[in-house]
Protein backbone atom coordinates (compact mmCIF):
# COMPACT_ATOMS: atom_id res chain seq x y z
CA MET A 1 18.49 -19.81 -4.48
CA ALA A 2 18.56 -19.78 -0.67
CA GLN A 3 17.48 -22.97 1.07
CA THR A 4 13.96 -22.87 2.57
CA ARG A 5 14.24 -22.38 6.36
CA ILE A 6 11.69 -23.82 8.81
CA PHE A 7 11.46 -22.90 12.51
CA ILE A 8 9.81 -25.41 14.89
CA CYS A 9 8.78 -24.41 18.42
CA ASP A 10 7.65 -27.26 20.72
CA ASP A 11 8.52 -28.33 24.25
CA GLU A 12 8.48 -32.06 23.39
CA GLU A 13 11.97 -33.25 22.42
CA GLY A 14 10.52 -36.29 20.63
CA ILE A 15 8.38 -34.10 18.35
CA LEU A 16 11.31 -31.83 17.56
CA LYS A 17 13.62 -34.73 16.65
CA TYR A 18 10.94 -36.38 14.51
CA MET A 19 10.07 -33.17 12.65
CA LYS A 20 13.68 -32.14 12.14
CA LYS A 21 14.60 -35.50 10.63
CA LEU A 22 11.49 -35.55 8.42
CA LEU A 23 11.87 -32.03 7.05
CA GLU A 24 15.63 -32.22 6.55
CA SER A 25 15.05 -35.36 4.47
CA GLN A 26 12.97 -33.10 2.17
CA GLY A 27 15.89 -30.73 1.64
CA LEU A 28 14.68 -28.08 4.11
CA ALA A 29 16.81 -26.23 6.66
CA VAL A 30 15.37 -26.67 10.17
CA GLU A 31 15.93 -24.85 13.48
CA THR A 32 14.17 -26.04 16.66
CA PHE A 33 13.19 -24.16 19.83
CA THR A 34 11.95 -25.57 23.13
CA SER A 35 10.55 -22.29 24.46
CA GLY A 36 8.67 -19.26 23.16
CA GLN A 37 11.31 -16.92 24.57
CA ALA A 38 14.09 -18.61 22.59
CA LEU A 39 12.05 -18.38 19.40
CA LEU A 40 11.24 -14.71 19.84
CA ALA A 41 14.84 -13.87 20.67
CA ARG A 42 15.96 -15.54 17.44
CA LEU A 43 13.43 -13.61 15.37
CA GLN A 44 14.30 -10.30 17.05
CA HIS A 45 17.90 -10.74 15.92
CA GLY A 46 16.72 -10.42 12.34
CA VAL A 47 17.06 -14.08 11.41
CA ASP A 48 14.52 -14.76 8.69
CA ALA A 49 12.44 -17.89 8.23
CA ASP A 50 10.04 -19.09 5.55
CA LEU A 51 7.65 -20.90 7.90
CA LEU A 52 7.05 -21.42 11.63
CA LEU A 53 5.59 -24.62 13.10
CA GLN A 54 4.44 -23.72 16.62
CA ASP A 55 2.88 -25.75 19.41
CA VAL A 56 -0.24 -24.08 20.78
CA ARG A 57 0.77 -24.91 24.38
CA MET A 58 4.19 -23.94 25.69
CA PRO A 59 5.43 -24.04 29.33
CA ASP A 60 6.88 -20.54 29.47
CA MET A 61 4.34 -18.54 27.44
CA ASP A 62 0.78 -18.85 26.21
CA GLY A 63 0.81 -20.07 22.62
CA LEU A 64 -1.53 -17.31 21.42
CA GLN A 65 0.68 -14.67 23.00
CA ILE A 66 3.70 -16.17 21.24
CA LEU A 67 1.79 -15.92 17.95
CA LYS A 68 0.91 -12.26 18.59
CA ASN A 69 4.56 -11.46 19.35
CA VAL A 70 5.74 -13.33 16.25
CA LYS A 71 3.31 -11.32 14.09
CA ASP A 72 4.57 -8.08 15.63
CA ILE A 73 8.18 -8.98 14.83
CA HIS A 74 7.61 -10.67 11.48
CA PRO A 75 4.08 -9.90 10.12
CA GLY A 76 4.59 -11.84 6.90
CA LEU A 77 5.87 -15.07 8.48
CA PRO A 78 3.36 -17.91 7.86
CA VAL A 79 2.59 -19.90 11.02
CA VAL A 80 1.16 -23.41 11.23
CA ILE A 81 -0.15 -24.35 14.69
CA MET A 82 0.50 -27.84 16.08
CA THR A 83 -2.15 -28.91 18.57
CA ALA A 84 -3.52 -31.91 20.44
CA PHE A 85 -7.14 -32.86 19.85
CA GLY A 86 -8.26 -31.31 23.12
CA THR A 87 -6.93 -27.85 22.21
CA ILE A 88 -8.47 -27.41 18.77
CA ASP A 89 -10.44 -24.38 20.01
CA ALA A 90 -7.17 -22.65 20.79
CA ALA A 91 -5.89 -23.51 17.30
CA VAL A 92 -9.00 -21.98 15.73
CA GLU A 93 -8.45 -18.84 17.80
CA ALA A 94 -4.85 -18.79 16.56
CA MET A 95 -6.06 -18.77 12.97
CA LYS A 96 -8.19 -15.73 13.74
CA LEU A 97 -4.97 -14.05 14.90
CA GLY A 98 -3.26 -14.77 11.60
CA ALA A 99 -2.06 -18.39 11.71
CA TYR A 100 -2.15 -20.03 8.28
CA ASP A 101 -3.41 -23.48 9.34
CA TYR A 102 -3.26 -26.06 12.12
CA VAL A 103 -2.48 -29.78 12.35
CA THR A 104 -3.49 -32.14 15.17
CA LYS A 105 -1.11 -34.46 16.97
CA PRO A 106 -0.18 -37.16 16.28
CA PHE A 107 0.05 -36.19 12.63
CA PRO A 108 1.07 -38.58 9.84
CA LYS A 109 3.98 -37.76 7.57
CA GLU A 110 1.71 -37.18 4.53
CA LYS A 111 -0.47 -34.70 6.43
CA ILE A 112 2.32 -32.47 7.66
CA LEU A 113 4.18 -32.53 4.34
CA GLY A 114 0.97 -31.66 2.49
CA VAL A 115 0.31 -28.67 4.72
CA LEU A 116 3.90 -27.45 4.36
CA GLU A 117 3.79 -27.78 0.59
CA ASN A 118 0.60 -25.70 0.43
CA VAL A 119 1.84 -22.91 2.63
CA LEU A 120 5.26 -22.69 0.97
CA GLU A 121 3.69 -22.58 -2.50
CA ARG A 122 1.35 -19.85 -1.31
CA GLU A 123 4.25 -17.84 0.12
CA LEU A 124 6.22 -18.17 -3.12
CA LEU A 125 3.20 -16.90 -5.05
CA ARG A 126 2.75 -14.00 -2.63
CA LYS A 127 6.37 -12.91 -3.02
CA GLU A 128 6.15 -13.22 -6.80
CA ASN A 129 2.96 -11.14 -6.73
CA LEU A 130 4.64 -8.38 -4.75
CA GLN A 131 7.54 -8.34 -7.19
CA LEU A 132 5.13 -8.36 -10.11
CA LYS A 133 3.26 -5.42 -8.66
CA GLU A 134 6.48 -3.46 -8.40
CA GLU A 135 7.34 -4.26 -12.01
CA LEU A 136 3.87 -3.83 -13.50
CA GLY A 137 2.40 -1.18 -11.31
CA LYS A 138 5.06 1.53 -11.26
CA THR A 139 6.40 1.79 -14.78
CA PRO A 140 8.61 4.86 -15.28
CA LEU A 141 7.67 7.33 -18.00
CA THR A 142 9.97 8.25 -20.84
CA ASP A 143 10.07 11.00 -23.44
CA ALA A 144 11.55 8.70 -26.07
CA ILE A 145 8.84 8.86 -28.77
CA VAL A 146 10.94 8.83 -31.91
CA PHE A 147 9.47 9.30 -35.39
CA ALA A 148 10.01 10.97 -38.75
CA SER A 149 6.99 9.78 -40.75
CA ASP A 150 3.90 11.84 -41.45
CA ARG A 151 1.83 8.77 -40.57
CA PHE A 152 3.06 8.73 -36.97
CA ARG A 153 3.10 12.53 -36.72
CA GLU A 154 -0.68 12.42 -37.09
CA VAL A 155 -0.84 9.91 -34.23
CA TYR A 156 1.33 12.07 -32.00
CA GLU A 157 -0.65 15.24 -32.73
CA LEU A 158 -3.87 13.42 -31.87
CA THR A 159 -2.24 12.20 -28.65
CA LEU A 160 -1.43 15.77 -27.60
CA GLU A 161 -4.95 16.93 -28.43
CA VAL A 162 -6.72 14.27 -26.36
CA ALA A 163 -4.27 14.51 -23.45
CA ALA A 164 -5.81 17.78 -22.26
CA SER A 165 -9.25 16.19 -21.98
CA GLU A 166 -10.47 13.93 -19.18
CA ALA A 167 -11.85 11.35 -21.61
CA ASN A 168 -10.94 7.68 -21.38
CA ILE A 169 -8.74 6.60 -24.28
CA LEU A 170 -8.47 3.31 -26.18
CA ILE A 171 -5.16 2.70 -27.97
CA LEU A 172 -5.30 0.14 -30.76
CA GLY A 173 -2.42 -1.61 -32.50
CA GLU A 174 -0.29 -4.71 -32.85
CA SER A 175 2.04 -5.84 -30.06
CA GLY A 176 5.22 -3.79 -29.89
CA THR A 177 3.90 -0.65 -31.62
CA GLY A 178 4.49 1.65 -28.64
CA LYS A 179 1.09 1.71 -26.95
CA GLU A 180 2.53 2.27 -23.47
CA LEU A 181 4.66 5.19 -24.70
CA ILE A 182 1.55 6.86 -26.07
CA ALA A 183 -0.30 6.20 -22.80
CA GLY A 184 2.60 7.79 -20.93
CA ALA A 185 2.48 10.84 -23.21
CA ILE A 186 -1.27 11.21 -22.58
CA HIS A 187 -0.59 11.31 -18.85
CA ARG A 188 2.45 13.56 -19.14
CA TYR A 189 0.54 16.26 -21.04
CA SER A 190 -2.64 16.03 -18.94
CA ARG A 191 -3.66 17.91 -15.80
CA ARG A 192 -2.83 14.72 -13.87
CA LYS A 193 0.87 14.82 -14.79
CA GLY A 194 1.92 15.43 -11.18
CA ARG A 195 0.06 12.30 -10.03
CA SER A 196 0.68 8.58 -10.44
CA PHE A 197 0.91 6.85 -13.80
CA LEU A 198 0.41 3.14 -13.13
CA SER A 199 0.17 0.29 -15.61
CA ILE A 200 -0.83 -3.34 -15.69
CA ASN A 201 -0.86 -6.00 -18.41
CA CYS A 202 -4.19 -7.82 -18.24
CA ALA A 203 -2.89 -10.71 -20.37
CA ALA A 204 0.04 -11.43 -18.05
CA LEU A 205 -2.01 -12.34 -14.98
CA SER A 206 -4.59 -14.92 -13.98
CA ASN A 207 -8.09 -13.65 -13.19
CA THR A 208 -7.56 -14.05 -9.44
CA LEU A 209 -4.22 -12.28 -9.42
CA LEU A 210 -5.46 -9.53 -11.74
CA GLU A 211 -8.41 -8.83 -9.43
CA SER A 212 -6.13 -8.69 -6.39
CA GLN A 213 -3.68 -6.39 -8.17
CA LEU A 214 -6.45 -4.02 -9.28
CA PHE A 215 -8.81 -3.96 -6.29
CA GLY A 216 -6.51 -4.89 -3.41
CA HIS A 217 -7.80 -6.88 -0.44
CA VAL A 218 -8.47 -6.56 3.27
CA ARG A 219 -7.02 -8.64 6.07
CA GLY A 220 -8.78 -12.00 6.29
CA ALA A 221 -10.18 -11.83 2.74
CA PHE A 222 -8.65 -15.22 2.06
CA THR A 223 -6.20 -17.62 3.66
CA GLY A 224 -2.89 -15.88 4.12
CA ALA A 225 -4.28 -12.33 3.78
CA THR A 226 -2.74 -11.17 7.07
CA THR A 227 -2.67 -7.47 6.22
CA ASN A 228 -4.60 -4.99 4.11
CA GLN A 229 -3.13 -4.46 0.66
CA LYS A 230 -3.85 -1.54 -1.63
CA GLY A 231 -4.66 -2.27 -5.26
CA LEU A 232 -3.68 -0.23 -8.29
CA LEU A 233 -7.10 1.43 -8.38
CA GLU A 234 -6.48 3.00 -4.99
CA GLU A 235 -2.89 3.90 -5.79
CA ALA A 236 -3.93 5.51 -9.10
CA ASP A 237 -6.44 7.86 -7.43
CA ASN A 238 -6.26 11.30 -9.12
CA GLY A 239 -3.83 9.83 -11.66
CA THR A 240 -3.87 7.63 -14.74
CA LEU A 241 -4.19 3.86 -14.95
CA PHE A 242 -2.97 2.22 -18.16
CA MET A 243 -4.53 -1.19 -18.77
CA ASP A 244 -2.66 -3.02 -21.53
CA GLU A 245 -4.26 -5.95 -23.39
CA ILE A 246 -7.69 -5.08 -22.00
CA GLY A 247 -9.21 -7.49 -24.52
CA ASP A 248 -7.88 -10.41 -22.47
CA MET A 249 -9.79 -9.47 -19.31
CA SER A 250 -12.50 -11.93 -18.23
CA LEU A 251 -16.17 -10.96 -18.45
CA VAL A 252 -16.47 -11.10 -14.64
CA LEU A 253 -13.68 -8.58 -14.15
CA GLN A 254 -15.02 -6.48 -17.02
CA ALA A 255 -18.26 -6.06 -15.06
CA LYS A 256 -16.35 -4.97 -11.94
CA LEU A 257 -14.20 -2.53 -13.93
CA LEU A 258 -17.32 -1.07 -15.53
CA ARG A 259 -18.66 -0.22 -12.08
CA VAL A 260 -15.45 1.63 -11.25
CA ILE A 261 -15.69 3.69 -14.44
CA GLN A 262 -19.41 4.41 -14.05
CA GLU A 263 -19.64 4.98 -10.31
CA GLY A 264 -16.13 6.12 -9.45
CA ASP A 265 -15.77 3.64 -6.62
CA PHE A 266 -14.72 0.05 -5.97
CA ILE A 267 -14.82 -2.56 -3.22
CA PRO A 268 -11.55 -4.30 -2.22
CA VAL A 269 -11.62 -8.10 -2.15
CA GLY A 270 -13.14 -9.26 1.14
CA SER A 271 -14.50 -5.85 2.09
CA THR A 272 -18.04 -4.48 2.16
CA ARG A 273 -17.08 -0.80 2.07
CA ALA A 274 -16.65 1.05 -1.21
CA LYS A 275 -13.76 3.44 -1.79
CA LYS A 276 -14.13 6.52 -3.99
CA VAL A 277 -11.52 7.12 -6.70
CA ASP A 278 -10.94 9.60 -9.50
CA ILE A 279 -9.00 7.82 -12.25
CA ARG A 280 -8.42 8.43 -15.93
CA PHE A 281 -8.37 5.12 -17.76
CA VAL A 282 -6.20 4.51 -20.81
CA ALA A 283 -6.67 1.05 -22.26
CA ALA A 284 -4.89 -0.75 -25.08
CA THR A 285 -5.39 -3.91 -27.07
CA ASN A 286 -4.15 -5.71 -30.15
CA LYS A 287 -7.57 -7.30 -30.62
CA ASN A 288 -10.55 -6.12 -32.68
CA LEU A 289 -12.81 -5.21 -29.78
CA GLU A 290 -15.84 -4.64 -31.99
CA LYS A 291 -15.50 -8.24 -33.14
CA GLU A 292 -14.98 -9.38 -29.54
CA VAL A 293 -18.20 -7.57 -28.57
CA ALA A 294 -20.12 -9.16 -31.44
CA GLU A 295 -18.92 -12.63 -30.39
CA GLY A 296 -19.77 -12.09 -26.72
CA ARG A 297 -16.23 -12.00 -25.34
CA PHE A 298 -16.19 -8.31 -24.43
CA ARG A 299 -18.91 -6.21 -22.83
CA GLU A 300 -20.45 -3.67 -25.17
CA ASP A 301 -21.09 -1.14 -22.38
CA LEU A 302 -17.45 -1.33 -21.23
CA PHE A 303 -16.25 -0.96 -24.81
CA TYR A 304 -18.11 2.32 -25.22
CA ARG A 305 -16.96 3.56 -21.82
CA LEU A 306 -13.32 2.99 -22.77
CA ASN A 307 -13.59 3.95 -26.43
CA VAL A 308 -14.50 7.61 -25.92
CA ILE A 309 -11.53 8.43 -28.13
CA SER A 310 -9.46 5.82 -29.96
CA ILE A 311 -5.88 6.16 -31.15
CA PRO A 312 -4.86 3.57 -33.76
CA LEU A 313 -1.10 2.93 -33.94
CA PRO A 314 0.29 1.80 -37.31
CA PRO A 315 2.67 -1.17 -37.40
CA LEU A 316 6.30 -0.41 -38.12
CA ARG A 317 6.06 -1.84 -41.64
CA GLU A 318 3.59 0.96 -42.46
CA ARG A 319 5.87 3.74 -41.17
CA ARG A 320 9.18 2.76 -42.74
CA GLU A 321 10.60 6.27 -42.52
CA ASP A 322 10.78 5.71 -38.75
CA ILE A 323 12.92 2.56 -38.89
CA GLU A 324 16.27 4.33 -39.26
CA PRO A 325 15.73 7.05 -36.60
CA LEU A 326 14.39 4.44 -34.19
CA ALA A 327 17.37 2.18 -34.87
CA ARG A 328 19.77 5.07 -34.23
CA HIS A 329 17.93 5.92 -31.03
CA PHE A 330 18.28 2.35 -29.76
CA LEU A 331 21.91 2.23 -30.88
CA LYS A 332 22.68 5.30 -28.75
CA LYS A 333 20.73 3.86 -25.80
CA TYR A 334 22.52 0.51 -25.70
CA ASN A 335 25.89 1.93 -26.66
CA GLN A 336 25.72 4.17 -23.58
CA ARG A 337 24.40 1.40 -21.37
CA MET A 338 27.13 -1.06 -22.37
CA ASN A 339 29.90 1.53 -22.92
CA LYS A 340 30.83 -0.22 -26.16
CA GLY A 341 31.77 2.66 -28.47
CA VAL A 342 29.42 1.43 -31.22
CA ASP A 343 28.22 4.58 -32.99
CA ARG A 344 26.90 3.78 -36.48
CA PHE A 345 25.39 1.27 -38.90
CA THR A 346 26.80 0.22 -42.26
CA ARG A 347 24.70 1.04 -45.32
CA GLU A 348 23.92 -2.65 -45.83
CA ALA A 349 22.71 -3.01 -42.23
CA LEU A 350 20.38 -0.02 -42.66
CA GLU A 351 19.04 -1.40 -45.94
CA LEU A 352 18.33 -4.73 -44.31
CA MET A 353 16.45 -3.07 -41.48
CA ARG A 354 14.48 -0.82 -43.81
CA GLY A 355 13.52 -3.81 -45.96
CA TYR A 356 12.39 -6.14 -43.18
CA SER A 357 8.71 -6.62 -42.25
CA TRP A 358 9.18 -6.38 -38.44
CA PRO A 359 6.40 -8.67 -37.19
CA GLY A 360 7.36 -7.72 -33.62
CA ASN A 361 7.34 -4.00 -34.53
CA ILE A 362 9.38 -1.54 -32.44
CA ARG A 363 9.99 -4.06 -29.68
CA GLU A 364 11.64 -6.43 -32.15
CA LEU A 365 13.73 -3.60 -33.63
CA GLU A 366 14.99 -2.67 -30.17
CA ASN A 367 15.82 -6.31 -29.47
CA VAL A 368 17.76 -6.61 -32.73
CA VAL A 369 19.76 -3.41 -32.14
CA GLU A 370 20.63 -4.45 -28.59
CA ARG A 371 21.95 -7.77 -29.86
CA ALA A 372 23.86 -6.00 -32.62
CA VAL A 373 25.62 -3.76 -30.11
CA ILE A 374 26.60 -6.82 -28.09
CA LEU A 375 27.94 -8.63 -31.18
CA SER A 376 29.77 -5.67 -32.73
CA ARG A 377 33.55 -5.77 -32.36
CA SER A 378 34.53 -2.85 -34.59
CA GLY A 379 32.42 0.07 -33.34
CA ILE A 380 30.14 -0.37 -36.36
CA VAL A 381 26.98 -2.45 -36.69
CA THR A 382 27.24 -4.51 -39.86
CA ALA A 383 24.82 -6.88 -41.57
CA ASP A 384 26.82 -9.73 -40.06
CA ASN A 385 25.77 -8.51 -36.60
CA LEU A 386 22.17 -9.32 -37.59
CA PRO A 387 22.57 -13.07 -38.28
CA LEU A 388 19.31 -14.41 -36.92
CA TRP A 389 17.07 -12.74 -39.45
CA ARG A 390 19.28 -11.57 -42.28
CA ASN A 391 18.54 -14.47 -44.62
CA SER A 392 14.77 -13.94 -44.45
CA VAL A 393 14.85 -10.34 -45.64
CA ALA A 394 13.63 -9.44 -49.12
CA PRO A 395 14.43 -6.20 -50.99
CA ALA A 396 12.84 -3.08 -49.57
CA ALA A 397 10.80 -2.58 -52.72
CA ALA A 398 8.72 -5.58 -51.76
CA TYR A 399 7.38 -3.67 -48.76
CA PRO A 400 5.65 -0.40 -49.78
CA SER A 401 4.31 1.72 -46.95
CA SER A 402 0.78 1.47 -48.32
CA PRO A 403 0.33 -1.69 -50.36
CA SER A 404 -1.69 -0.93 -53.46
CA ASN A 405 -2.79 -4.44 -54.29
CA GLN A 406 -3.35 -7.85 -52.68
CA GLN A 407 -0.28 -9.35 -54.32
CA GLN A 408 2.04 -6.97 -52.42
CA LEU A 409 0.25 -7.68 -49.16
CA ASP A 410 0.58 -11.41 -49.69
CA SER A 411 4.30 -10.95 -50.36
CA LEU A 412 4.67 -9.21 -46.99
CA GLU A 413 2.80 -11.96 -45.15
CA HIS A 414 4.91 -14.59 -46.91
CA VAL A 415 8.18 -13.02 -45.76
CA GLU A 416 6.85 -12.66 -42.21
CA ARG A 417 5.81 -16.31 -42.22
CA GLU A 418 9.20 -17.43 -43.53
CA HIS A 419 11.10 -15.37 -40.99
CA ILE A 420 9.13 -16.84 -38.09
CA ARG A 421 9.46 -20.33 -39.55
CA GLN A 422 13.25 -20.01 -39.97
CA THR A 423 13.66 -18.66 -36.43
CA LEU A 424 11.59 -21.55 -35.06
CA ASP A 425 13.74 -23.99 -37.03
CA ARG A 426 16.94 -22.45 -35.62
CA THR A 427 15.68 -22.75 -32.05
CA GLY A 428 14.32 -26.27 -32.51
CA PHE A 429 10.78 -24.89 -32.23
CA HIS A 430 11.55 -23.49 -28.77
CA LYS A 431 8.73 -20.98 -28.52
CA SER A 432 9.98 -18.88 -25.61
CA ARG A 433 13.42 -18.51 -27.18
CA THR A 434 11.89 -17.70 -30.56
CA ALA A 435 9.62 -15.03 -29.06
CA GLU A 436 12.63 -13.48 -27.31
CA ILE A 437 14.62 -13.34 -30.55
CA LEU A 438 11.70 -11.84 -32.47
CA GLY A 439 10.97 -9.34 -29.73
CA ILE A 440 7.33 -10.39 -29.44
CA SER A 441 5.28 -11.94 -26.66
CA ARG A 442 4.80 -15.69 -26.39
CA LYS A 443 1.07 -15.12 -26.90
CA THR A 444 1.66 -13.21 -30.14
CA LEU A 445 3.99 -15.96 -31.36
CA ASP A 446 1.37 -18.64 -30.63
CA ARG A 447 -1.16 -16.62 -32.61
CA LYS A 448 1.25 -16.28 -35.56
CA ILE A 449 2.06 -20.01 -35.48
CA ALA A 450 -1.64 -20.84 -35.64
CA GLU A 451 -2.27 -18.20 -38.30
CA PHE A 452 0.51 -19.48 -40.57
CA GLY A 453 -0.03 -23.16 -39.76
CA LEU A 454 3.59 -23.65 -38.66
CA LYS A 455 4.62 -27.01 -37.20
CA PRO A 456 7.88 -28.55 -35.93
CA ALA A 457 10.03 -30.27 -38.54
CA GLY A 458 8.86 -33.81 -39.16
CA GLU A 459 5.24 -33.19 -38.27
């Protein structure tokens, strides 16, 4: 990771020496400038910085004019103004122009370090948010909906039927069952197919970040909001917005989303002007929303607005005819990606996959096949290429597609529990690593651990 770079612009040599020594002792890279012209010339040459400390009074240029020029060259550069007590008014004016904060001279070590820590943490979060928006907000569509079972054929036919409507859709199912693929198919076969398909995972973000991602904000909405930023609602206008794990959204944001659905408009954070949008909402959850409504964790009016039509997705263990074609699909995908020449499974490997309970559903199956391609040395995926879960698999007969009695269902739950327990044991109860191996989210793993009462060895 690149070293954090700080620019300091001040005409007092003593201040520059003191600040350079202090900040370099904190592991920061520091460049100093004794004039506004020198600073601007450095920035115009494309040299990037993570933070600028600037004196409000400079001999060659007005400090506010320097700030304006800096923002023209580098709009996202956070600026902290250094000022004497008698020029605080100028510092306040600088903040109106986009400065992050100001400190008064003489400033103690703790004060300046505290301000720098705050602004650098905020900048790191902002950059992560932008990256997150790219990853979450513009998910590419794919045609790869693979199935052979009658059970999933019914799901797919229903998907095609509802796609032509303008109704909001609620997709129900366990994690990893392919909810986003179905949402993508709804968009692809709708009249909105030429418009944006955007997605966001409501469980992956804090309430504040989720609101900012959805609604956007205007300049000055909060400290550091130096420009207007569009949210996904605005970007999804005339298209489709897929909201995964909608059951994890807070009640406050549920109320705001309800307004968007009912009124067809929204207000960006920090604004007073509503923006009109035309969006088709497709939501998904692995929770029982009717139960969430009954227990006061989900708004009943929002539930009915989203649940115009529901599409329940069966878990992989209830559509076992799809395990082999899905496995072959993923084998082809990762074989091509890695250029490995792995083109088939042994009979034993297929039997193991068909007999396993797949608590992580399709996502776990894809994870397992990817690992198998990596581990294969002979061009064939064998049972030995599936070492992390092989020992927990019971015969396929123990897992009927539609369990006919409670004893069979208990047997399935027992094997799932044992597989998760053994994987936790192998990783030393490292939850993130275990979730990665199983192909499930950390949140799903935590729920399974609580459900099965699993604890680290020795507890």
